[in-house]
Every structure is written in structure tokens, then in C-alpha cells.
Amino acid sequence: MNFNELKQIIQQIQKTIPCKDCKRPFPDANIHIIGTVMNEGFLAAHCDHCKNKTLLSVFFKANRISKKGEAKTPHDIRTVQPDEVLDMHNFLKDFDGDFSSLFSRHEV
């Protein structure tokens, strides 16, 4: 993910994802990039008005144009399967937000 793509993502977030509590857009200075890998990224947003903090997971779909003008998606992108969405839903339903505990668990 390059700088221009990150700027586009931040602009899109400001247009489409307001603060969930007060419904105001997040200012540029309050959207922070936590990290990116390929076309995925994690961002944190903070609302000055109500002090709400939001963690965002984003995916930037970069279309590539072939010689014939047909849009192509990168070969490493795969579709999320319905079972994967259900698995995540079931996990998040009981998740208490304690990431320290989550990542320190030892499988036996």
C-alpha cells in the first residue's frame, strides 16, 4: 500500500465512517495508521468531540487494467467465504476486548 492509497483510504473513511457515538467525521490528524501489509491495513481513529476511539481494518482493492481495458484484480486476493464470516461473528460475539489475554493464551 503506497502513500497515495493511504490518503485515499483516509479520505474515504472521513466520508463514510463517522464516529459511532456522535456521528461526526474523524479529522485527518486523528486517524492514525497502525500498520499495513500488501493491500490491507489497520487504522485507529479518535473523536475529539466525544473521545470515542475506533479501530478500523481496511482492504484497498487495487484494480489493474489489462491491454484490452479489462480490470483485473491481483492474483493474491481471495474471496472471504461465508463460513469465515460466521466463524468471526461467533468469535466476536463472546470476545471481551482483552487482546493481551487473547495473544497470551497457550494452546495445549
PDB file of N, CA and C in Angstrom:
ATOM      1  N   MET A   1       0.860  -1.154   0.000  1.00  0.00           N
ATOM      2  CA  MET A   1       0.000   0.000   0.000  1.00  0.00           C
ATOM      3  C   MET A   1       0.916   1.229   0.000  1.00  0.00           C
ATOM      4  N   ASN A   2       0.705   2.114  -0.945  1.00  0.00           N
ATOM      5  CA  ASN A   2       1.564   3.295  -1.013  1.00  0.00           C
ATOM      6  C   ASN A   2       0.882   4.507  -0.367  1.00  0.00           C
ATOM      7  N   PHE A   3       1.622   5.610  -0.317  1.00  0.00           N
ATOM      8  CA  PHE A   3       1.138   6.816   0.363  1.00  0.00           C
ATOM      9  C   PHE A   3      -0.170   7.335  -0.237  1.00  0.00           C
ATOM     10  N   ASN A   4      -0.271   7.374  -1.571  1.00  0.00           N
ATOM     11  CA  ASN A   4      -1.500   7.864  -2.212  1.00  0.00           C
ATOM     12  C   ASN A   4      -2.699   6.979  -1.883  1.00  0.00           C
ATOM     13  N   GLU A   5      -2.475   5.672  -1.827  1.00  0.00           N
ATOM     14  CA  GLU A   5      -3.565   4.767  -1.474  1.00  0.00           C
ATOM     15  C   GLU A   5      -4.018   5.014  -0.031  1.00  0.00           C
ATOM     16  N   LEU A   6      -3.053   5.240   0.862  1.00  0.00           N
ATOM     17  CA  LEU A   6      -3.406   5.530   2.254  1.00  0.00           C
ATOM     18  C   LEU A   6      -4.194   6.829   2.372  1.00  0.00           C
ATOM     19  N   LYS A   7      -3.788   7.849   1.601  1.00  0.00           N
ATOM     20  CA  LYS A   7      -4.538   9.114   1.608  1.00  0.00           C
ATOM     21  C   LYS A   7      -5.971   8.891   1.122  1.00  0.00           C
ATOM     22  N   GLN A   8      -6.142   8.069   0.089  1.00  0.00           N
ATOM     23  CA  GLN A   8      -7.484   7.778  -0.427  1.00  0.00           C
ATOM     24  C   GLN A   8      -8.321   7.055   0.628  1.00  0.00           C
ATOM     25  N   ILE A   9      -7.696   6.126   1.325  1.00  0.00           N
ATOM     26  CA  ILE A   9      -8.419   5.383   2.363  1.00  0.00           C
ATOM     27  C   ILE A   9      -8.866   6.328   3.472  1.00  0.00           C
ATOM     28  N   ILE A  10      -7.983   7.208   3.906  1.00  0.00           N
ATOM     29  CA  ILE A  10      -8.335   8.160   4.967  1.00  0.00           C
ATOM     30  C   ILE A  10      -9.472   9.076   4.510  1.00  0.00           C
ATOM     31  N   GLN A  11      -9.415   9.538   3.270  1.00  0.00           N
ATOM     32  CA  GLN A  11     -10.495  10.381   2.738  1.00  0.00           C
ATOM     33  C   GLN A  11     -11.808   9.612   2.699  1.00  0.00           C
ATOM     34  N   GLN A  12     -11.752   8.338   2.308  1.00  0.00           N
ATOM     35  CA  GLN A  12     -12.969   7.512   2.243  1.00  0.00           C
ATOM     36  C   GLN A  12     -13.530   7.288   3.649  1.00  0.00           C
ATOM     37  N   ILE A  13     -12.652   7.062   4.610  1.00  0.00           N
ATOM     38  CA  ILE A  13     -13.100   6.895   5.996  1.00  0.00           C
ATOM     39  C   ILE A  13     -13.822   8.154   6.465  1.00  0.00           C
ATOM     40  N   GLN A  14     -13.260   9.311   6.166  1.00  0.00           N
ATOM     41  CA  GLN A  14     -13.880  10.565   6.593  1.00  0.00           C
ATOM     42  C   GLN A  14     -15.253  10.768   5.945  1.00  0.00           C
ATOM     43  N   LYS A  15     -15.434  10.288   4.730  1.00  0.00           N
ATOM     44  CA  LYS A  15     -16.716  10.449   4.032  1.00  0.00           C
ATOM     45  C   LYS A  15     -17.762   9.445   4.505  1.00  0.00           C
ATOM     46  N   THR A  16     -17.325   8.234   4.853  1.00  0.00           N
ATOM     47  CA  THR A  16     -18.291   7.159   5.052  1.00  0.00           C
ATOM     48  C   THR A  16     -18.373   6.582   6.457  1.00  0.00           C
ATOM     49  N   ILE A  17     -17.379   6.853   7.311  1.00  0.00           N
ATOM     50  CA  ILE A  17     -17.382   6.249   8.644  1.00  0.00           C
ATOM     51  C   ILE A  17     -17.283   7.348   9.698  1.00  0.00           C
ATOM     52  N   PRO A  18     -18.405   7.859  10.151  1.00  0.00           N
ATOM     53  CA  PRO A  18     -18.363   8.858  11.219  1.00  0.00           C
ATOM     54  C   PRO A  18     -18.170   8.179  12.576  1.00  0.00           C
ATOM     55  N   CYS A  19     -17.920   8.971  13.571  1.00  0.00           N
ATOM     56  CA  CYS A  19     -17.844   8.469  14.943  1.00  0.00           C
ATOM     57  C   CYS A  19     -19.168   7.767  15.268  1.00  0.00           C
ATOM     58  N   LYS A  20     -19.085   6.588  15.842  1.00  0.00           N
ATOM     59  CA  LYS A  20     -20.322   5.844  16.120  1.00  0.00           C
ATOM     60  C   LYS A  20     -21.162   6.474  17.223  1.00  0.00           C
ATOM     61  N   ASP A  21     -20.532   7.277  18.074  1.00  0.00           N
ATOM     62  CA  ASP A  21     -21.279   7.890  19.171  1.00  0.00           C
ATOM     63  C   ASP A  21     -21.905   9.235  18.798  1.00  0.00           C
ATOM     64  N   CYS A  22     -21.090  10.153  18.242  1.00  0.00           N
ATOM     65  CA  CYS A  22     -21.622  11.497  17.968  1.00  0.00           C
ATOM     66  C   CYS A  22     -21.858  11.759  16.473  1.00  0.00           C
ATOM     67  N   LYS A  23     -21.506  10.808  15.641  1.00  0.00           N
ATOM     68  CA  LYS A  23     -21.757  10.863  14.186  1.00  0.00           C
ATOM     69  C   LYS A  23     -20.958  11.940  13.449  1.00  0.00           C
ATOM     70  N   ARG A  24     -19.921  12.489  14.073  1.00  0.00           N
ATOM     71  CA  ARG A  24     -19.070  13.485  13.411  1.00  0.00           C
ATOM     72  C   ARG A  24     -17.945  12.777  12.661  1.00  0.00           C
ATOM     73  N   PRO A  25     -17.463  13.379  11.578  1.00  0.00           N
ATOM     74  CA  PRO A  25     -16.330  12.769  10.863  1.00  0.00           C
ATOM     75  C   PRO A  25     -15.045  12.905  11.683  1.00  0.00           C
ATOM     76  N   PHE A  26     -14.147  11.934  11.509  1.00  0.00           N
ATOM     77  CA  PHE A  26     -12.856  11.988  12.176  1.00  0.00           C
ATOM     78  C   PHE A  26     -11.937  12.947  11.420  1.00  0.00           C
ATOM     79  N   PRO A  27     -11.274  13.877  12.098  1.00  0.00           N
ATOM     80  CA  PRO A  27     -10.333  14.766  11.410  1.00  0.00           C
ATOM     81  C   PRO A  27      -9.080  13.999  10.984  1.00  0.00           C
ATOM     82  N   ASP A  28      -8.397  14.509   9.946  1.00  0.00           N
ATOM     83  CA  ASP A  28      -7.160  13.891   9.447  1.00  0.00           C
ATOM     84  C   ASP A  28      -6.188  13.567  10.575  1.00  0.00           C
ATOM     85  N   ALA A  29      -5.959  14.541  11.433  1.00  0.00           N
ATOM     86  CA  ALA A  29      -4.958  14.386  12.486  1.00  0.00           C
ATOM     87  C   ALA A  29      -5.313  13.291  13.489  1.00  0.00           C
ATOM     88  N   ASN A  30      -6.562  12.841  13.489  1.00  0.00           N
ATOM     89  CA  ASN A  30      -6.997  11.834  14.458  1.00  0.00           C
ATOM     90  C   ASN A  30      -7.164  10.444  13.853  1.00  0.00           C
ATOM     91  N   ILE A  31      -6.700  10.261  12.628  1.00  0.00           N
ATOM     92  CA  ILE A  31      -6.705   8.932  12.005  1.00  0.00           C
ATOM     93  C   ILE A  31      -5.253   8.510  11.873  1.00  0.00           C
ATOM     94  N   HIS A  32      -4.896   7.452  12.584  1.00  0.00           N
ATOM     95  CA  HIS A  32      -3.504   7.001  12.645  1.00  0.00           C
ATOM     96  C   HIS A  32      -3.369   5.608  12.033  1.00  0.00           C
ATOM     97  N   ILE A  33      -2.335   5.422  11.255  1.00  0.00           N
ATOM     98  CA  ILE A  33      -2.058   4.135  10.634  1.00  0.00           C
ATOM     99  C   ILE A  33      -1.280   3.291  11.622  1.00  0.00           C
ATOM    100  N   ILE A  34      -1.841   2.171  11.987  1.00  0.00           N
ATOM    101  CA  ILE A  34      -1.172   1.253  12.899  1.00  0.00           C
ATOM    102  C   ILE A  34      -0.201   0.381  12.112  1.00  0.00           C
ATOM    103  N   GLY A  35      -0.658  -0.116  10.977  1.00  0.00           N
ATOM    104  CA  GLY A  35       0.211  -0.949  10.151  1.00  0.00           C
ATOM    105  C   GLY A  35      -0.484  -1.376   8.881  1.00  0.00           C
ATOM    106  N   THR A  36       0.315  -1.740   7.881  1.00  0.00           N
ATOM    107  CA  THR A  36      -0.224  -2.217   6.614  1.00  0.00           C
ATOM    108  C   THR A  36       0.571  -3.429   6.133  1.00  0.00           C
ATOM    109  N   VAL A  37      -0.102  -4.291   5.400  1.00  0.00           N
ATOM    110  CA  VAL A  37       0.516  -5.431   4.734  1.00  0.00           C
ATOM    111  C   VAL A  37      -0.184  -5.568   3.394  1.00  0.00           C
ATOM    112  N   MET A  38       0.608  -5.452   2.326  1.00  0.00           N
ATOM    113  CA  MET A  38       0.053  -5.524   0.971  1.00  0.00           C
ATOM    114  C   MET A  38      -1.085  -4.499   0.831  1.00  0.00           C
ATOM    115  N   ASN A  39      -2.306  -4.971   0.605  1.00  0.00           N
ATOM    116  CA  ASN A  39      -3.456  -4.088   0.400  1.00  0.00           C
ATOM    117  C   ASN A  39      -4.385  -4.052   1.611  1.00  0.00           C
ATOM    118  N   GLU A  40      -3.878  -4.423   2.771  1.00  0.00           N
ATOM    119  CA  GLU A  40      -4.667  -4.404   3.997  1.00  0.00           C
ATOM    120  C   GLU A  40      -4.013  -3.480   5.004  1.00  0.00           C
ATOM    121  N   GLY A  41      -4.821  -2.909   5.879  1.00  0.00           N
ATOM    122  CA  GLY A  41      -4.261  -2.038   6.892  1.00  0.00           C
ATOM    123  C   GLY A  41      -5.152  -1.939   8.110  1.00  0.00           C
ATOM    124  N   PHE A  42      -4.526  -1.549   9.226  1.00  0.00           N
ATOM    125  CA  PHE A  42      -5.248  -1.269  10.459  1.00  0.00           C
ATOM    126  C   PHE A  42      -5.017   0.192  10.801  1.00  0.00           C
ATOM    127  N   LEU A  43      -6.101   0.886  11.103  1.00  0.00           N
ATOM    128  CA  LEU A  43      -6.030   2.292  11.460  1.00  0.00           C
ATOM    129  C   LEU A  43      -6.789   2.511  12.756  1.00  0.00           C
ATOM    130  N   ALA A  44      -6.380   3.526  13.489  1.00  0.00           N
ATOM    131  CA  ALA A  44      -7.085   3.914  14.712  1.00  0.00           C
ATOM    132  C   ALA A  44      -7.600   5.330  14.507  1.00  0.00           C
ATOM    133  N   ALA A  45      -8.837   5.573  14.935  1.00  0.00           N
ATOM    134  CA  ALA A  45      -9.441   6.903  14.816  1.00  0.00           C
ATOM    135  C   ALA A  45      -9.912   7.347  16.194  1.00  0.00           C
ATOM    136  N   HIS A  46      -9.743   8.640  16.462  1.00  0.00           N
ATOM    137  CA  HIS A  46     -10.108   9.212  17.752  1.00  0.00           C
ATOM    138  C   HIS A  46     -10.984  10.439  17.518  1.00  0.00           C
ATOM    139  N   CYS A  47     -12.103  10.509  18.209  1.00  0.00           N
ATOM    140  CA  CYS A  47     -13.017  11.642  18.081  1.00  0.00           C
ATOM    141  C   CYS A  47     -12.710  12.677  19.160  1.00  0.00           C
ATOM    142  N   ASP A  48     -12.396  13.900  18.733  1.00  0.00           N
ATOM    143  CA  ASP A  48     -12.125  14.987  19.683  1.00  0.00           C
ATOM    144  C   ASP A  48     -13.367  15.365  20.487  1.00  0.00           C
ATOM    145  N   HIS A  49     -14.522  15.258  19.845  1.00  0.00           N
ATOM    146  CA  HIS A  49     -15.754  15.732  20.472  1.00  0.00           C
ATOM    147  C   HIS A  49     -16.201  14.842  21.644  1.00  0.00           C
ATOM    148  N   CYS A  50     -16.334  13.541  21.377  1.00  0.00           N
ATOM    149  CA  CYS A  50     -16.863  12.651  22.419  1.00  0.00           C
ATOM    150  C   CYS A  50     -15.821  11.693  22.991  1.00  0.00           C
ATOM    151  N   LYS A  51     -14.581  11.772  22.481  1.00  0.00           N
ATOM    152  CA  LYS A  51     -13.444  10.963  22.973  1.00  0.00           C
ATOM    153  C   LYS A  51     -13.563   9.481  22.637  1.00  0.00           C
ATOM    154  N   ASN A  52     -14.451   9.128  21.697  1.00  0.00           N
ATOM    155  CA  ASN A  52     -14.584   7.745  21.265  1.00  0.00           C
ATOM    156  C   ASN A  52     -13.345   7.338  20.477  1.00  0.00           C
ATOM    157  N   LYS A  53     -12.909   6.084  20.662  1.00  0.00           N
ATOM    158  CA  LYS A  53     -11.785   5.543  19.898  1.00  0.00           C
ATOM    159  C   LYS A  53     -12.284   4.361  19.092  1.00  0.00           C
ATOM    160  N   THR A  54     -11.836   4.292  17.829  1.00  0.00           N
ATOM    161  CA  THR A  54     -12.292   3.258  16.921  1.00  0.00           C
ATOM    162  C   THR A  54     -11.101   2.602  16.245  1.00  0.00           C
ATOM    163  N   LEU A  55     -11.127   1.279  16.135  1.00  0.00           N
ATOM    164  CA  LEU A  55     -10.109   0.527  15.408  1.00  0.00           C
ATOM    165  C   LEU A  55     -10.723   0.115  14.073  1.00  0.00           C
ATOM    166  N   LEU A  56     -10.023   0.413  12.985  1.00  0.00           N
ATOM    167  CA  LEU A  56     -10.536   0.115  11.650  1.00  0.00           C
ATOM    168  C   LEU A  56      -9.633  -0.861  10.929  1.00  0.00           C
ATOM    169  N   SER A  57     -10.211  -1.841  10.293  1.00  0.00           N
ATOM    170  CA  SER A  57      -9.488  -2.758   9.426  1.00  0.00           C
ATOM    171  C   SER A  57      -9.941  -2.455   8.008  1.00  0.00           C
ATOM    172  N   VAL A  58      -9.003  -2.155   7.124  1.00  0.00           N
ATOM    173  CA  VAL A  58      -9.364  -1.766   5.768  1.00  0.00           C
ATOM    174  C   VAL A  58      -8.672  -2.658   4.748  1.00  0.00           C
ATOM    175  N   PHE A  59      -9.301  -2.766   3.602  1.00  0.00           N
ATOM    176  CA  PHE A  59      -8.745  -3.502   2.470  1.00  0.00           C
ATOM    177  C   PHE A  59      -8.842  -2.597   1.249  1.00  0.00           C
ATOM    178  N   PHE A  60      -7.742  -2.352   0.619  1.00  0.00           N
ATOM    179  CA  PHE A  60      -7.704  -1.494  -0.558  1.00  0.00           C
ATOM    180  C   PHE A  60      -7.674  -2.384  -1.789  1.00  0.00           C
ATOM    181  N   LYS A  61      -8.747  -2.349  -2.561  1.00  0.00           N
ATOM    182  CA  LYS A  61      -8.836  -3.176  -3.763  1.00  0.00           C
ATOM    183  C   LYS A  61      -8.261  -2.395  -4.929  1.00  0.00           C
ATOM    184  N   ALA A  62      -7.077  -2.788  -5.356  1.00  0.00           N
ATOM    185  CA  ALA A  62      -6.417  -2.127  -6.481  1.00  0.00           C
ATOM    186  C   ALA A  62      -6.726  -2.881  -7.762  1.00  0.00           C
ATOM    187  N   ASN A  63      -7.429  -2.242  -8.657  1.00  0.00           N
ATOM    188  CA  ASN A  63      -7.703  -2.848  -9.956  1.00  0.00           C
ATOM    189  C   ASN A  63      -6.558  -2.563 -10.899  1.00  0.00           C
ATOM    190  N   ARG A  64      -6.226  -3.542 -11.665  1.00  0.00           N
ATOM    191  CA  ARG A  64      -5.193  -3.370 -12.675  1.00  0.00           C
ATOM    192  C   ARG A  64      -5.860  -3.462 -14.037  1.00  0.00           C
ATOM    193  N   ILE A  65      -5.447  -2.613 -14.959  1.00  0.00           N
ATOM    194  CA  ILE A  65      -6.052  -2.576 -16.285  1.00  0.00           C
ATOM    195  C   ILE A  65      -5.174  -3.373 -17.257  1.00  0.00           C
ATOM    196  N   SER A  66      -5.784  -4.311 -17.958  1.00  0.00           N
ATOM    197  CA  SER A  66      -5.039  -5.087 -18.950  1.00  0.00           C
ATOM    198  C   SER A  66      -4.955  -4.303 -20.255  1.00  0.00           C
ATOM    199  N   LYS A  67      -4.258  -4.854 -21.214  1.00  0.00           N
ATOM    200  CA  LYS A  67      -4.100  -4.182 -22.501  1.00  0.00           C
ATOM    201  C   LYS A  67      -5.441  -4.008 -23.209  1.00  0.00           C
ATOM    202  N   LYS A  68      -6.373  -4.905 -22.965  1.00  0.00           N
ATOM    203  CA  LYS A  68      -7.687  -4.814 -23.607  1.00  0.00           C
ATOM    204  C   LYS A  68      -8.641  -3.920 -22.825  1.00  0.00           C
ATOM    205  N   GLY A  69      -8.185  -3.343 -21.741  1.00  0.00           N
ATOM    206  CA  GLY A  69      -9.020  -2.442 -20.959  1.00  0.00           C
ATOM    207  C   GLY A  69      -9.872  -3.121 -19.908  1.00  0.00           C
ATOM    208  N   GLU A  70      -9.644  -4.426 -19.685  1.00  0.00           N
ATOM    209  CA  GLU A  70     -10.423  -5.146 -18.688  1.00  0.00           C
ATOM    210  C   GLU A  70      -9.756  -5.017 -17.322  1.00  0.00           C
ATOM    211  N   ALA A  71     -10.545  -4.767 -16.316  1.00  0.00           N
ATOM    212  CA  ALA A  71      -9.994  -4.660 -14.965  1.00  0.00           C
ATOM    213  C   ALA A  71      -9.621  -6.039 -14.464  1.00  0.00           C
ATOM    214  N   LYS A  72      -8.466  -6.138 -13.843  1.00  0.00           N
ATOM    215  CA  LYS A  72      -8.012  -7.390 -13.246  1.00  0.00           C
ATOM    216  C   LYS A  72      -7.706  -7.126 -11.782  1.00  0.00           C
ATOM    217  N   THR A  73      -8.021  -8.096 -10.950  1.00  0.00           N
ATOM    218  CA  THR A  73      -7.662  -7.973  -9.544  1.00  0.00           C
ATOM    219  C   THR A  73      -6.363  -8.730  -9.320  1.00  0.00           C
ATOM    220  N   PRO A  74      -5.579  -8.324  -8.342  1.00  0.00           N
ATOM    221  CA  PRO A  74      -4.328  -9.029  -8.076  1.00  0.00           C
ATOM    222  C   PRO A  74      -4.572 -10.500  -7.767  1.00  0.00           C
ATOM    223  N   HIS A  75      -3.658 -11.355  -8.178  1.00  0.00           N
ATOM    224  CA  HIS A  75      -3.828 -12.803  -8.030  1.00  0.00           C
ATOM    225  C   HIS A  75      -3.830 -13.284  -6.582  1.00  0.00           C
ATOM    226  N   ASP A  76      -3.297 -12.505  -5.666  1.00  0.00           N
ATOM    227  CA  ASP A  76      -3.225 -12.955  -4.282  1.00  0.00           C
ATOM    228  C   ASP A  76      -4.475 -12.613  -3.465  1.00  0.00           C
ATOM    229  N   ILE A  77      -5.469 -12.013  -4.089  1.00  0.00           N
ATOM    230  CA  ILE A  77      -6.714 -11.683  -3.389  1.00  0.00           C
ATOM    231  C   ILE A  77      -7.658 -12.874  -3.503  1.00  0.00           C
ATOM    232  N   ARG A  78      -8.212 -13.273  -2.379  1.00  0.00           N
ATOM    233  CA  ARG A  78      -9.199 -14.350  -2.420  1.00  0.00           C
ATOM    234  C   ARG A  78     -10.477 -13.865  -1.762  1.00  0.00           C
ATOM    235  N   THR A  79     -11.566 -14.461  -2.131  1.00  0.00           N
ATOM    236  CA  THR A  79     -12.870 -14.093  -1.602  1.00  0.00           C
ATOM    237  C   THR A  79     -13.053 -14.672  -0.204  1.00  0.00           C
ATOM    238  N   VAL A  80     -13.597 -13.865   0.687  1.00  0.00           N
ATOM    239  CA  VAL A  80     -13.914 -14.350   2.026  1.00  0.00           C
ATOM    240  C   VAL A  80     -15.139 -15.244   1.909  1.00  0.00           C
ATOM    241  N   GLN A  81     -15.041 -16.428   2.469  1.00  0.00           N
ATOM    242  CA  GLN A  81     -16.117 -17.405   2.392  1.00  0.00           C
ATOM    243  C   GLN A  81     -17.155 -17.159   3.488  1.00  0.00           C
ATOM    244  N   PRO A  82     -18.412 -17.517   3.232  1.00  0.00           N
ATOM    245  CA  PRO A  82     -19.469 -17.307   4.235  1.00  0.00           C
ATOM    246  C   PRO A  82     -19.152 -17.953   5.585  1.00  0.00           C
ATOM    247  N   ASP A  83     -18.542 -19.138   5.584  1.00  0.00           N
ATOM    248  CA  ASP A  83     -18.196 -19.796   6.846  1.00  0.00           C
ATOM    249  C   ASP A  83     -17.162 -18.996   7.638  1.00  0.00           C
ATOM    250  N   GLU A  84     -16.263 -18.310   6.931  1.00  0.00           N
ATOM    251  CA  GLU A  84     -15.267 -17.482   7.612  1.00  0.00           C
ATOM    252  C   GLU A  84     -15.937 -16.297   8.309  1.00  0.00           C
ATOM    253  N   VAL A  85     -16.935 -15.725   7.665  1.00  0.00           N
ATOM    254  CA  VAL A  85     -17.683 -14.616   8.270  1.00  0.00           C
ATOM    255  C   VAL A  85     -18.423 -15.108   9.512  1.00  0.00           C
ATOM    256  N   LEU A  86     -19.049 -16.274   9.414  1.00  0.00           N
ATOM    257  CA  LEU A  86     -19.757 -16.840  10.570  1.00  0.00           C
ATOM    258  C   LEU A  86     -18.790 -17.168  11.705  1.00  0.00           C
ATOM    259  N   ASP A  87     -17.618 -17.722  11.371  1.00  0.00           N
ATOM    260  CA  ASP A  87     -16.617 -18.014  12.398  1.00  0.00           C
ATOM    261  C   ASP A  87     -16.208 -16.745  13.130  1.00  0.00           C
ATOM    262  N   MET A  88     -15.960 -15.670  12.396  1.00  0.00           N
ATOM    263  CA  MET A  88     -15.559 -14.411  13.011  1.00  0.00           C
ATOM    264  C   MET A  88     -16.694 -13.849  13.865  1.00  0.00           C
ATOM    265  N   HIS A  89     -17.925 -13.938  13.354  1.00  0.00           N
ATOM    266  CA  HIS A  89     -19.084 -13.470  14.111  1.00  0.00           C
ATOM    267  C   HIS A  89     -19.186 -14.222  15.445  1.00  0.00           C
ATOM    268  N   ASN A  90     -19.045 -15.541  15.387  1.00  0.00           N
ATOM    269  CA  ASN A  90     -19.141 -16.351  16.606  1.00  0.00           C
ATOM    270  C   ASN A  90     -18.018 -16.023  17.583  1.00  0.00           C
ATOM    271  N   PHE A  91     -16.828 -15.770  17.072  1.00  0.00           N
ATOM    272  CA  PHE A  91     -15.716 -15.394  17.940  1.00  0.00           C
ATOM    273  C   PHE A  91     -15.975 -14.044  18.606  1.00  0.00           C
ATOM    274  N   LEU A  92     -16.375 -13.051  17.811  1.00  0.00           N
ATOM    275  CA  LEU A  92     -16.566 -11.697  18.335  1.00  0.00           C
ATOM    276  C   LEU A  92     -17.753 -11.588  19.282  1.00  0.00           C
ATOM    277  N   LYS A  93     -18.725 -12.466  19.118  1.00  0.00           N
ATOM    278  CA  LYS A  93     -19.914 -12.456  19.968  1.00  0.00           C
ATOM    279  C   LYS A  93     -19.541 -12.615  21.445  1.00  0.00           C
ATOM    280  N   ASP A  94     -18.515 -13.419  21.730  1.00  0.00           N
ATOM    281  CA  ASP A  94     -18.113 -13.661  23.107  1.00  0.00           C
ATOM    282  C   ASP A  94     -16.792 -12.984  23.477  1.00  0.00           C
ATOM    283  N   PHE A  95     -16.182 -12.257  22.553  1.00  0.00           N
ATOM    284  CA  PHE A  95     -14.886 -11.622  22.807  1.00  0.00           C
ATOM    285  C   PHE A  95     -15.089 -10.392  23.685  1.00  0.00           C
ATOM    286  N   ASP A  96     -14.306 -10.310  24.757  1.00  0.00           N
ATOM    287  CA  ASP A  96     -14.457  -9.209  25.712  1.00  0.00           C
ATOM    288  C   ASP A  96     -13.538  -8.023  25.429  1.00  0.00           C
ATOM    289  N   GLY A  97     -12.736  -8.100  24.376  1.00  0.00           N
ATOM    290  CA  GLY A  97     -11.860  -6.988  24.017  1.00  0.00           C
ATOM    291  C   GLY A  97     -10.485  -7.057  24.661  1.00  0.00           C
ATOM    292  N   ASP A  98     -10.207  -8.109  25.407  1.00  0.00           N
ATOM    293  CA  ASP A  98      -8.918  -8.243  26.086  1.00  0.00           C
ATOM    294  C   ASP A  98      -7.904  -8.899  25.152  1.00  0.00           C
ATOM    295  N   PHE A  99      -7.184  -8.050  24.381  1.00  0.00           N
ATOM    296  CA  PHE A  99      -6.211  -8.561  23.423  1.00  0.00           C
ATOM    297  C   PHE A  99      -4.990  -9.163  24.116  1.00  0.00           C
ATOM    298  N   SER A 100      -4.595  -8.613  25.257  1.00  0.00           N
ATOM    299  CA  SER A 100      -3.442  -9.160  25.983  1.00  0.00           C
ATOM    300  C   SER A 100      -3.691 -10.619  26.350  1.00  0.00           C
ATOM    301  N   SER A 101      -4.872 -10.880  26.869  1.00  0.00           N
ATOM    302  CA  SER A 101      -5.225 -12.251  27.230  1.00  0.00           C
ATOM    303  C   SER A 101      -5.335 -13.145  25.990  1.00  0.00           C
ATOM    304  N   LEU A 102      -5.904 -12.613  24.938  1.00  0.00           N
ATOM    305  CA  LEU A 102      -6.083 -13.373  23.705  1.00  0.00           C
ATOM    306  C   LEU A 102      -4.749 -13.850  23.139  1.00  0.00           C
ATOM    307  N   PHE A 103      -3.766 -12.950  23.094  1.00  0.00           N
ATOM    308  CA  PHE A 103      -2.497 -13.289  22.475  1.00  0.00           C
ATOM    309  C   PHE A 103      -1.523 -14.002  23.427  1.00  0.00           C
ATOM    310  N   SER A 104      -1.870 -14.092  24.701  1.00  0.00           N
ATOM    311  CA  SER A 104      -1.003 -14.795  25.629  1.00  0.00           C
ATOM    312  C   SER A 104      -1.503 -16.211  25.920  1.00  0.00           C
ATOM    313  N   ARG A 105      -2.603 -16.594  25.335  1.00  0.00           N
ATOM    314  CA  ARG A 105      -3.138 -17.938  25.541  1.00  0.00           C
ATOM    315  C   ARG A 105      -2.198 -18.959  24.915  1.00  0.00           C
ATOM    316  N   HIS A 106      -2.015 -20.052  25.623  1.00  0.00           N
ATOM    317  CA  HIS A 106      -1.156 -21.121  25.121  1.00  0.00           C
ATOM    318  C   HIS A 106      -2.034 -22.326  24.788  1.00  0.00           C
ATOM    319  N   GLU A 107      -1.941 -22.767  23.544  1.00  0.00           N
ATOM    320  CA  GLU A 107      -2.687 -23.950  23.121  1.00  0.00           C
ATOM    321  C   GLU A 107      -1.996 -25.185  23.677  1.00  0.00           C
ATOM    322  N   VAL A 108      -2.781 -26.146  24.171  1.00  0.00           N
ATOM    323  CA  VAL A 108      -2.208 -27.388  24.717  1.00  0.00           C
ATOM    324  C   VAL A 108      -2.442 -28.510  23.775  1.00  0.00           C
TER     325      VAL A 108
END
